[in-house]
Protein backbone atom coordinates (compact mmCIF):
# COMPACT_ATOMS: atom_id res chain seq x y z
CA UNK A 1 0.01 0.06 -0.04
CA UNK A 2 1.46 3.32 -0.95
CA UNK A 3 0.75 6.38 1.03
CA UNK A 4 -0.32 9.40 -1.10
CA UNK A 5 2.21 12.25 -0.95
CA UNK A 6 0.38 15.57 -1.24
CA UNK A 7 2.09 18.78 -2.52
CA UNK A 8 1.63 20.26 1.09
CA UNK A 9 3.71 17.45 2.44
CA UNK A 10 6.40 18.06 -0.22
CA UNK A 11 6.48 21.71 0.66
CA UNK A 12 7.10 20.73 4.33
CA UNK A 13 9.78 18.44 3.53
CA UNK A 14 11.50 21.02 1.23
CA UNK A 15 10.87 23.86 3.73
CA UNK A 16 9.56 26.16 0.97
CA UNK A 17 8.49 29.51 2.57
CA UNK A 18 8.91 32.88 0.94
CA UNK A 19 7.52 34.53 3.80
CA UNK A 20 10.00 32.99 6.34
CA UNK A 21 12.87 33.90 4.05
CA UNK A 22 11.77 37.56 3.77
CA UNK A 23 11.34 37.80 7.57
CA UNK A 24 14.86 36.46 8.00
CA UNK A 25 16.26 38.99 5.65
CA UNK A 26 14.27 41.75 7.45
CA UNK A 27 15.66 40.99 10.80
CA UNK A 28 19.15 41.75 9.33
CA UNK A 29 18.12 44.72 7.34
CA UNK A 30 15.73 46.47 9.83
CA UNK A 31 12.41 48.06 8.90
CA UNK A 32 10.08 50.91 9.97
CA UNK A 33 7.10 49.84 11.95
CA UNK A 34 3.68 51.45 12.55
CA UNK A 35 3.20 49.81 15.92
CA UNK A 36 5.71 47.74 17.89
CA UNK A 37 4.92 44.28 19.03
CA UNK A 38 6.84 42.27 21.52
CA UNK A 39 7.61 38.51 21.25
CA UNK A 40 6.43 36.36 24.04
CA UNK A 41 8.80 33.36 24.62
CA UNK A 42 7.62 32.82 28.05
CA UNK A 43 4.39 31.36 29.48
CA UNK A 44 2.09 33.61 31.60
CA UNK A 45 1.38 32.18 35.07
CA UNK A 46 -0.91 34.25 37.28
CA UNK A 47 -0.29 37.31 35.40
CA UNK A 48 3.55 36.93 35.48
CA UNK A 49 5.84 35.51 32.97
CA UNK A 50 7.88 32.45 33.69
CA UNK A 51 10.19 30.36 31.46
CA UNK A 52 8.32 27.54 29.80
CA UNK A 53 9.74 24.20 31.01
CA UNK A 54 10.65 21.74 28.23
CA UNK A 55 11.76 18.14 28.62
CA UNK A 56 13.87 18.11 25.48
CA UNK A 57 15.91 21.21 26.59
CA UNK A 58 16.60 19.48 30.02
CA UNK A 59 17.90 16.39 28.25
CA UNK A 60 19.85 18.48 25.77
CA UNK A 61 21.50 20.35 28.53
CA UNK A 62 22.83 17.20 29.96
CA UNK A 63 24.20 15.79 26.66
CA UNK A 64 27.82 15.34 26.02
CA UNK A 65 28.67 12.93 28.89
CA UNK A 66 29.58 9.99 26.70
CA UNK A 67 26.02 8.17 27.21
CA UNK A 68 23.29 10.91 27.03
CA UNK A 69 20.27 10.80 29.31
CA UNK A 70 18.24 10.21 25.94
CA UNK A 71 20.29 7.16 25.17
CA UNK A 72 19.73 5.71 28.77
CA UNK A 73 16.02 6.33 28.44
CA UNK A 74 15.88 4.63 25.08
CA UNK A 75 17.79 1.67 26.37
CA UNK A 76 15.37 1.38 29.33
CA UNK A 77 12.39 1.71 26.88
CA UNK A 78 13.77 -1.20 24.81
CA UNK A 79 14.34 -3.37 27.97
CA UNK A 80 10.77 -2.67 28.92
CA UNK A 81 9.68 -3.65 25.37
CA UNK A 82 7.91 -0.49 24.84
CA UNK A 83 8.82 -0.73 21.17
CA UNK A 84 6.28 -3.49 20.84
CA UNK A 85 3.50 -1.22 22.14
CA UNK A 86 1.18 -0.52 19.26
CA UNK A 87 1.18 3.35 19.72
CA UNK A 88 4.98 3.45 20.08
CA UNK A 89 5.48 1.13 17.21
CA UNK A 90 3.31 3.21 14.86
CA UNK A 91 5.07 6.34 15.96
CA UNK A 92 8.48 4.75 14.97
CA UNK A 93 7.06 3.60 11.70
CA UNK A 94 5.63 7.05 10.99
CA UNK A 95 9.02 8.76 11.84
CA UNK A 96 10.90 6.28 9.71
CA UNK A 97 8.71 6.94 6.71
CA UNK A 98 9.05 10.73 7.21
CA UNK A 99 12.97 10.47 7.44
CA UNK A 100 13.03 8.13 4.29
CA UNK A 101 10.64 10.33 2.29
CA UNK A 102 12.68 13.49 3.19
CA UNK A 103 15.97 11.73 2.24
CA UNK A 104 14.57 10.62 -1.06
CA UNK A 105 13.17 13.97 -2.07
CA UNK A 106 16.46 15.83 -1.04
CA UNK A 107 18.36 13.44 -3.23
CA UNK A 108 16.07 13.97 -6.09
CA UNK A 109 16.03 17.71 -6.06
CA UNK A 110 19.80 18.01 -5.61
CA UNK A 111 20.06 18.61 -9.32
CA UNK A 112 18.10 21.94 -9.26
CA UNK A 113 20.08 24.80 -10.65
CA UNK A 114 20.58 28.05 -9.16
CA UNK A 115 18.57 30.86 -10.51
CA UNK A 116 20.14 33.27 -13.00
CA UNK A 117 20.51 37.15 -12.26
CA UNK A 118 17.88 37.70 -14.97
CA UNK A 119 15.44 35.47 -13.10
CA UNK A 120 15.92 37.15 -9.81
CA UNK A 121 15.55 40.60 -11.40
CA UNK A 122 12.36 39.57 -13.23
CA UNK A 123 10.87 38.16 -9.91
CA UNK A 124 11.72 41.36 -8.10
CA UNK A 125 9.95 43.52 -10.79
CA UNK A 126 6.96 41.27 -11.04
CA UNK A 127 6.23 41.42 -7.18
CA UNK A 128 6.34 45.09 -6.28
CA UNK A 129 4.13 44.68 -3.29
CA UNK A 130 6.73 42.44 -1.73
CA UNK A 131 9.80 44.36 -2.64
CA UNK A 132 10.06 47.68 -4.49
CA UNK A 133 6.78 48.98 -3.12
CA UNK A 134 6.61 46.93 0.13
CA UNK A 135 4.52 48.39 2.92
CA UNK A 136 3.38 47.81 6.42
CA UNK A 137 -0.39 47.58 6.80
CA UNK A 138 -2.39 48.51 9.78
CA UNK A 139 -5.96 47.21 9.66
CA UNK A 140 -9.05 46.77 11.70
CA UNK A 141 -11.03 43.61 10.90
CA UNK A 142 -14.36 42.02 11.67
CA UNK A 143 -14.24 38.21 11.53
CA UNK A 144 -17.90 37.31 10.76
CA UNK A 145 -19.46 33.73 11.21
CA UNK A 146 -22.04 33.51 8.35
CA UNK A 147 -23.21 30.89 5.79
CA UNK A 148 -21.75 31.20 2.22
CA UNK A 149 -25.16 32.43 0.93
CA UNK A 150 -24.97 35.52 3.04
CA UNK A 151 -21.59 36.73 1.67
CA UNK A 152 -23.21 38.61 -1.09
CA UNK A 153 -25.50 40.56 1.12
CA UNK A 154 -22.66 41.31 3.56
CA UNK A 155 -20.45 42.63 0.62
CA UNK A 156 -23.17 44.97 -0.54
CA UNK A 157 -23.71 46.27 3.07
CA UNK A 158 -19.88 46.93 3.37
CA UNK A 159 -20.03 48.65 -0.07
CA UNK A 160 -22.83 51.05 1.34
CA UNK A 161 -21.28 51.57 4.71
CA UNK A 162 -19.16 54.68 5.59
CA UNK A 163 -17.18 52.90 8.30
CA UNK A 164 -17.08 49.74 10.37
CA UNK A 165 -19.42 51.15 12.93
CA UNK A 166 -22.26 51.00 10.21
CA UNK A 167 -21.19 47.31 9.34
CA UNK A 168 -21.47 46.34 12.96
CA UNK A 169 -24.99 47.78 13.10
CA UNK A 170 -25.93 45.73 10.00
CA UNK A 171 -24.45 42.62 11.50
CA UNK A 172 -26.33 43.04 14.83
CA UNK A 173 -29.60 43.72 12.88
CA UNK A 174 -29.14 40.25 11.13
CA UNK A 175 -28.04 38.54 14.36
CA UNK A 176 -24.59 37.60 12.81
CA UNK A 177 -21.93 36.95 15.36
CA UNK A 178 -18.50 38.43 14.74
CA UNK A 179 -15.17 39.28 16.37
CA UNK A 180 -13.25 42.51 16.05
CA UNK A 181 -9.49 42.71 15.85
CA UNK A 182 -6.67 45.01 14.95
CA UNK A 183 -3.26 44.31 13.67
CA UNK A 184 -0.18 45.81 11.94
CA UNK A 185 1.72 43.40 9.49
CA UNK A 186 4.34 43.81 6.85
CA UNK A 187 3.59 42.45 3.34
CA UNK A 188 5.39 39.22 3.71
CA UNK A 189 3.07 38.22 6.62
CA UNK A 190 -0.08 38.64 4.61
CA UNK A 191 -1.42 35.85 2.24
CA UNK A 192 -0.90 36.77 -1.49
CA UNK A 193 -4.51 37.00 -2.40
CA UNK A 194 -5.24 39.36 0.43
CA UNK A 195 -1.94 41.35 -0.25
CA UNK A 196 -2.82 42.10 -3.83
CA UNK A 197 -6.21 43.63 -2.70
CA UNK A 198 -4.74 45.60 0.13
CA UNK A 199 -1.93 46.95 -2.17
CA UNK A 200 -4.53 48.66 -4.42
CA UNK A 201 -6.53 50.02 -1.55
CA UNK A 202 -6.28 53.60 -0.07
CA UNK A 203 -6.36 54.43 3.68
CA UNK A 204 -9.87 54.26 5.03
CA UNK A 205 -11.22 51.81 2.34
CA UNK A 206 -13.00 48.68 3.27
CA UNK A 207 -13.37 45.22 1.48
CA UNK A 208 -14.56 41.71 2.30
CA UNK A 209 -12.81 38.42 1.98
CA UNK A 210 -14.42 35.00 2.12
CA UNK A 211 -13.23 32.68 4.86
CA UNK A 212 -13.82 28.92 5.41
CA UNK A 213 -16.30 29.85 8.24
CA UNK A 214 -17.74 33.02 6.81
CA UNK A 215 -16.14 36.30 5.84
CA UNK A 216 -13.62 39.01 6.97
CA UNK A 217 -14.35 42.67 6.75
CA UNK A 218 -11.17 44.61 6.59
CA UNK A 219 -10.70 48.34 6.86
CA UNK A 220 -7.25 49.66 5.91
CA UNK A 221 -6.40 52.17 8.62
CA UNK A 222 -2.94 53.23 7.60
CA UNK A 223 0.12 52.06 5.55
CA UNK A 224 3.77 52.86 5.86
CA UNK A 225 6.36 52.47 3.11
CA UNK A 226 9.05 49.86 3.85
CA UNK A 227 10.66 48.95 0.46
CA UNK A 228 13.43 46.54 -0.12
CA UNK A 229 16.06 46.96 -2.72
CA UNK A 230 16.92 44.42 -5.36
CA UNK A 231 20.19 44.00 -3.52
CA UNK A 232 18.45 43.43 -0.22
CA UNK A 233 15.85 41.02 -1.68
CA UNK A 234 18.19 39.25 -4.13
CA UNK A 235 19.27 36.41 -1.67
CA UNK A 236 15.92 35.57 -0.55
CA UNK A 237 14.47 35.66 -4.01
CA UNK A 238 17.23 33.25 -5.17
CA UNK A 239 16.40 30.99 -2.21
CA UNK A 240 12.69 31.17 -3.10
CA UNK A 241 13.24 30.37 -6.78
CA UNK A 242 15.59 27.54 -6.10
CA UNK A 243 13.05 25.91 -3.71
CA UNK A 244 10.31 26.46 -6.32
CA UNK A 245 12.38 24.57 -8.71
CA UNK A 246 13.04 21.74 -6.16
CA UNK A 247 9.25 21.61 -5.52
CA UNK A 248 8.63 21.18 -9.24
CA UNK A 249 11.24 18.38 -9.40
CA UNK A 250 9.77 16.76 -6.32
CA UNK A 251 6.15 16.86 -7.51
CA UNK A 252 7.35 15.48 -10.90
CA UNK A 253 9.05 12.57 -9.07
CA UNK A 254 6.04 11.91 -6.86
CA UNK A 255 3.82 11.75 -10.06
CA UNK A 256 6.05 9.40 -11.71
CA UNK A 257 6.10 7.15 -8.63
CA UNK A 258 2.32 7.26 -8.33
CA UNK A 259 1.94 6.16 -12.06
CA UNK A 260 4.47 3.39 -11.54
CA UNK A 261 2.48 2.15 -8.44
CA UNK A 262 -0.74 2.31 -10.34
CA UNK A 263 0.67 0.23 -13.21
CA UNK A 264 1.96 -2.41 -10.69
CA UNK A 265 -1.36 -2.43 -9.01
CA UNK A 266 -3.25 -2.90 -12.38
CA UNK A 267 -1.03 -5.77 -13.27
CA UNK A 268 -2.06 -7.68 -10.16
CA UNK A 269 -5.63 -8.84 -11.27
CA UNK A 270 -7.85 -10.08 -8.34
CA UNK A 271 -8.23 -13.78 -8.38
CA UNK A 272 -11.75 -14.86 -7.60
CA UNK A 273 -12.96 -18.51 -7.17
CA UNK A 274 -14.96 -19.77 -10.20
CA UNK A 275 -18.67 -20.28 -9.77
CA UNK A 276 -20.24 -23.79 -10.39
CA UNK A 277 -21.73 -22.49 -13.59
CA UNK A 278 -18.40 -21.17 -14.89
CA UNK A 279 -16.72 -24.46 -14.01
CA UNK A 280 -19.19 -26.50 -15.87
CA UNK A 281 -18.92 -24.33 -18.76
CA UNK A 282 -15.18 -24.89 -19.01
CA UNK A 283 -15.66 -28.68 -18.84
CA UNK A 284 -18.24 -28.93 -21.51
CA UNK A 285 -17.44 -29.00 -25.31
CA UNK A 286 -18.57 -25.62 -26.74
CA UNK A 287 -21.14 -25.72 -29.53
CA UNK A 288 -21.26 -23.03 -32.00
CA UNK A 289 -24.55 -21.21 -32.18
CA UNK A 290 -26.23 -17.84 -31.85
CA UNK A 291 -26.88 -18.09 -28.20
CA UNK A 292 -24.08 -20.48 -27.23
CA UNK A 293 -20.97 -19.11 -25.54
CA UNK A 294 -17.68 -20.15 -27.03
CA UNK A 295 -15.70 -19.32 -23.78
CA UNK A 296 -16.32 -18.46 -20.20
CA UNK A 297 -15.81 -14.73 -21.08
CA UNK A 298 -18.56 -15.00 -23.79
CA UNK A 299 -20.71 -17.05 -21.29
CA UNK A 300 -20.53 -14.18 -18.73
CA UNK A 301 -21.80 -11.74 -21.56
CA UNK A 302 -24.91 -13.98 -22.16
CA UNK A 303 -25.93 -14.16 -18.43
């Protein structure tokens, strides 16, 4: 039995992420911000922040003593025959498949060539919202829970409204539940389909995006220019284009493997026991005639 390998799984194995790459470069370059946000690596406990304990970090801190704590624990698990536990065994097999799949894909895509300077420049020019005209967007949002058939009416209401307050009144009058939110995000943290729309909007404009569970009403409050030069963006574009090529190679390889597996599956015809009628038909001498079968195959057609 062959597990289906989806494009999403391939992307995970290849680590394809333009947005992550952009963010890494921005950390080195610096950028203007509309509003500052703080990272929160610690867990809140009774209103105070405390470091989040992690078993793996404790084990890692004790490594390097010849035999690590992890090895000792693994040995004890084997002696206790935990590897024969169904849940543990399934987890081991799953991890094994993941490692083997990743190793195979990495070997498959190693032939991908580096993008040329011309390809990098073209990608830079074709995506101004990410680079040359990159911005930071501060928005207010209403996340609405509604059935798909209500989307048209909501879009018309937003088109008529002067601000989000009028949209809220309309939602309340229709007894539609929603949640309000505000955020400031750079272009690379916004999905491309949303970014293209925001890039064309002016401050104060509103729009509606469909979501899996309803819709999102977005008002663009303010934008701040934060462009990236081609020199700054070049390394991350090259990385993205290379990973895109690797993704194509991986998908082509998976398609080939699926076709090969399907051919092998088709060659193995199911063997079913013959019925008494079919057995009798094979043992009798066939007699030519308009309604007489010459073989078991023809006999089946006459039944």
